[in-house]
Protein backbone atom coordinates (compact mmCIF):
# COMPACT_ATOMS: atom_id res chain seq x y z
CA THR A 1 137.97 97.14 117.45
CA ILE A 2 141.57 95.93 117.05
CA LEU A 3 142.74 93.26 119.48
CA THR A 4 146.45 92.65 120.01
CA TRP A 5 147.51 89.11 120.77
CA HIS A 6 150.90 88.58 122.46
CA PHE A 7 152.66 85.25 122.12
CA THR A 8 155.63 84.64 124.45
CA ASP A 9 157.74 81.49 124.46
CA VAL A 10 159.55 80.05 127.48
CA SER A 11 162.67 82.04 126.62
CA GLY A 12 160.79 85.33 126.80
CA ASN A 13 160.64 85.97 123.06
CA THR A 14 157.42 87.80 122.11
CA THR A 15 155.48 88.12 118.90
CA THR A 16 152.28 90.09 118.48
CA CYS A 17 149.39 89.66 116.09
CA HIS A 18 146.48 91.99 115.48
CA GLN A 19 142.90 90.86 115.07
CA THR A 20 140.06 93.10 113.95
CA VAL A 21 136.63 92.58 115.46
CA THR A 22 133.81 94.28 113.54
CA VAL A 23 130.36 94.52 115.09
CA LYS A 24 127.66 95.05 112.49
CA ASP A 25 124.20 96.40 113.15
CA LYS A 26 121.79 94.11 111.30
CA PHE A 27 118.66 95.66 112.76
CA ALA A 28 116.66 98.07 110.67
CA PRO A 29 115.60 101.27 112.43
CA VAL A 30 112.30 100.95 114.28
CA ILE A 31 110.03 103.83 113.34
CA ASP A 32 106.59 104.64 114.70
CA CYS A 33 104.97 105.29 111.32
CA ASP A 34 101.81 106.52 113.07
CA THR A 35 103.67 109.73 113.94
CA LEU A 36 103.56 110.64 110.23
CA LYS A 37 100.18 112.36 110.14
CA ASN A 38 98.19 112.37 106.92
CA ILE A 39 98.00 115.80 105.31
CA VAL A 40 94.85 117.27 103.73
CA GLU A 41 95.12 120.31 101.49
CA GLU A 42 92.56 122.13 99.35
CA LEU A 43 93.12 123.34 95.83
CA THR A 44 93.94 127.03 95.79
CA THR A 45 93.23 127.55 92.10
CA ASN A 46 91.01 125.93 89.48
CA ASP A 47 94.05 123.93 88.41
CA CYS A 48 93.60 120.35 89.64
CA ARG A 49 97.11 120.00 91.05
CA LEU A 50 99.01 121.56 93.93
CA SER A 51 102.66 122.41 93.50
CA ALA A 52 104.98 120.55 95.88
CA ASN A 53 105.87 123.76 97.73
CA ALA A 54 102.17 124.31 98.56
CA VAL A 55 102.25 121.25 100.83
CA SER A 56 104.17 121.73 104.06
CA LEU A 57 106.10 118.57 104.92
CA SER A 58 108.07 118.16 108.13
CA VAL A 59 111.07 115.87 107.86
CA PRO A 60 110.40 113.02 110.31
CA GLN A 61 113.08 112.03 112.81
CA SER A 62 113.80 108.79 114.64
CA ILE A 63 116.38 107.18 116.90
CA ASP A 64 118.17 104.02 115.77
CA ASN A 65 118.67 101.01 118.07
CA CYS A 66 122.27 102.25 118.45
CA ASP A 67 120.98 105.67 119.60
CA ALA A 68 121.89 107.49 116.39
CA LYS A 69 119.44 110.15 115.21
CA ILE A 70 118.02 109.35 111.76
CA SER A 71 116.25 111.81 109.48
CA GLY A 72 113.71 110.51 107.03
CA VAL A 73 114.46 110.94 103.34
CA LEU A 74 111.54 111.34 100.94
CA SER A 75 111.88 109.31 97.77
CA PRO A 76 110.71 109.94 95.15
CA VAL A 77 110.10 113.63 95.73
CA PRO A 78 106.90 114.75 93.98
CA ASN A 79 106.85 117.90 91.83
CA SER A 80 103.13 118.32 92.41
CA TYR A 81 100.16 116.61 94.00
CA PRO A 82 97.13 115.63 91.90
CA LEU A 83 93.56 115.68 93.13
CA GLY A 84 92.99 112.77 95.53
CA ASP A 85 95.51 110.75 97.52
CA THR A 86 99.27 110.63 96.96
CA ILE A 87 101.23 108.13 99.04
CA LEU A 88 104.68 109.41 100.01
CA THR A 89 107.43 107.03 101.11
CA TRP A 90 109.89 108.12 103.80
CA HIS A 91 113.14 106.10 104.05
CA PHE A 92 115.05 105.82 107.33
CA THR A 93 118.56 104.41 106.84
CA ASP A 94 121.02 103.87 109.68
CA ALA A 95 124.82 104.06 109.48
CA SER A 96 124.99 100.32 108.68
CA GLY A 97 122.71 100.71 105.65
CA ASN A 98 119.64 99.13 107.26
CA THR A 99 116.47 100.79 106.01
CA THR A 100 112.88 101.07 107.16
CA THR A 101 110.16 102.86 105.19
CA CYS A 102 107.00 104.61 106.33
CA PRO A 103 104.09 105.84 104.20
CA GLN A 104 102.44 109.25 104.53
CA THR A 105 99.30 110.27 102.64
CA VAL A 106 98.75 113.71 101.12
CA THR A 107 95.13 114.27 100.12
CA VAL A 108 94.26 117.14 97.78
CA LYS A 109 90.60 118.17 97.81
CA ASP A 110 88.73 120.21 95.23
CA LYS A 111 86.87 123.04 96.96
CA PHE A 112 85.57 124.61 93.75
CA SER A 113 81.96 124.04 92.78
CA PRO A 114 81.28 123.17 89.15
CA VAL A 115 80.73 126.20 86.93
CA ILE A 116 77.60 125.68 84.89
CA ASP A 117 76.16 127.94 82.21
CA CYS A 118 72.56 127.82 83.43
CA ASP A 119 71.45 129.80 80.37
CA THR A 120 71.89 126.62 78.31
CA LEU A 121 68.85 125.16 80.12
CA LYS A 122 66.08 126.47 77.87
CA ASN A 123 62.62 127.12 79.24
CA ILE A 124 60.12 124.50 78.10
CA VAL A 125 56.58 125.32 77.00
CA ALA A 126 54.20 122.37 77.02
CA ASN A 127 50.59 122.48 75.83
CA LEU A 128 47.85 120.66 77.68
CA THR A 129 46.59 117.67 75.77
CA THR A 130 43.59 116.91 78.01
CA ASN A 131 41.16 118.93 80.10
CA GLU A 132 42.78 117.79 83.42
CA CYS A 133 44.83 121.02 83.79
CA ARG A 134 48.06 119.10 84.36
CA LEU A 135 50.46 117.02 82.32
CA PRO A 136 52.13 113.77 83.36
CA SER A 137 55.91 114.11 83.59
CA SER A 138 56.28 111.71 80.66
CA ALA A 139 54.54 114.29 78.43
CA VAL A 140 57.31 116.83 78.95
CA PRO A 141 60.57 115.76 77.26
CA LEU A 142 63.58 116.82 79.29
CA SER A 143 67.16 116.64 78.07
CA VAL A 144 69.60 115.78 80.84
CA PRO A 145 72.14 118.61 80.91
CA GLN A 146 75.89 117.93 80.95
CA SER A 147 78.85 120.00 82.08
CA ILE A 148 82.60 119.74 82.56
CA ASP A 149 84.16 120.21 86.01
CA ASN A 150 87.22 122.39 86.61
CA CYS A 151 89.19 119.13 86.81
CA GLY A 152 87.96 118.00 83.39
CA ALA A 153 85.44 115.43 84.58
CA LYS A 154 82.08 115.21 82.81
CA ILE A 155 79.19 116.00 85.17
CA THR A 156 75.62 114.98 84.46
CA GLY A 157 72.82 117.06 85.93
CA VAL A 158 70.47 115.35 88.38
CA LEU A 159 66.91 116.56 88.67
CA SER A 160 65.65 116.83 92.24
CA PRO A 161 62.90 116.65 93.20
CA ILE A 162 61.46 114.84 90.18
CA PRO A 163 57.92 115.99 89.48
CA THR A 164 55.31 113.35 88.70
CA THR A 165 53.04 115.89 86.99
CA TYR A 166 53.18 119.48 85.79
CA PRO A 167 50.29 121.75 86.82
CA MET A 168 49.08 124.66 84.70
CA GLY A 169 51.40 127.62 85.03
CA ASP A 170 55.12 127.66 85.81
CA THR A 171 57.03 124.82 87.44
CA ILE A 172 60.64 125.51 88.34
CA LEU A 173 62.88 122.44 88.09
CA THR A 174 66.20 122.32 89.92
CA TRP A 175 69.15 120.56 88.30
CA HIS A 176 72.04 119.62 90.60
CA PHE A 177 75.60 119.29 89.30
CA THR A 178 77.91 117.55 91.79
CA ASP A 179 81.59 116.89 91.14
CA ALA A 180 83.64 113.96 92.46
CA SER A 181 84.59 115.98 95.56
CA GLY A 182 80.96 116.61 96.50
CA ASN A 183 80.86 120.27 95.43
CA THR A 184 77.45 121.16 94.00
CA THR A 185 76.01 123.87 91.79
CA THR A 186 72.31 124.14 90.96
CA CYS A 187 70.54 125.55 87.92
CA PRO A 188 66.83 126.28 87.49
CA GLN A 189 64.79 125.35 84.44
CA LYS A 190 61.21 126.53 83.87
CA VAL A 191 58.40 124.38 82.51
CA THR A 192 55.28 126.33 81.54
């Protein structure tokens, strides 16, 4: 705002001077960050990343203390989202350069169960060593099977239930392979 000052002497002579008054907004925009809902997406392929365009983001809006509408600006802009949580940062900057940031979480979940080659679990034949018609579990050596998840993580098989003894005949063991996202595949193994 420009003010004009008038100075007049007793003889009626007038001089004017201009003065500029600048009002600056020093208040950062106030944003309700809770309106930025967390986003959960599932992998659509066995690739362990989602492309940025697979995640639908709405540009958040706010009103500044001086009633100006402010659009959030995402920075940095991700090219893709890895498995797990990615924290986005939205920046809200008013006309005076005051900035407020808000986080938003994008969670990518793996919906694919581990792919296991169950044929690698060989059947085991154990001979009775006593006349009790059953073997203690310690008498049957089991190798713990391993696999690789679609996201490259090593997965160790877990036997459940664990038998305490093996009776005469066939016992079917069940190995469970669970990835970090909780997806499980099972494979049988026969002990005779």
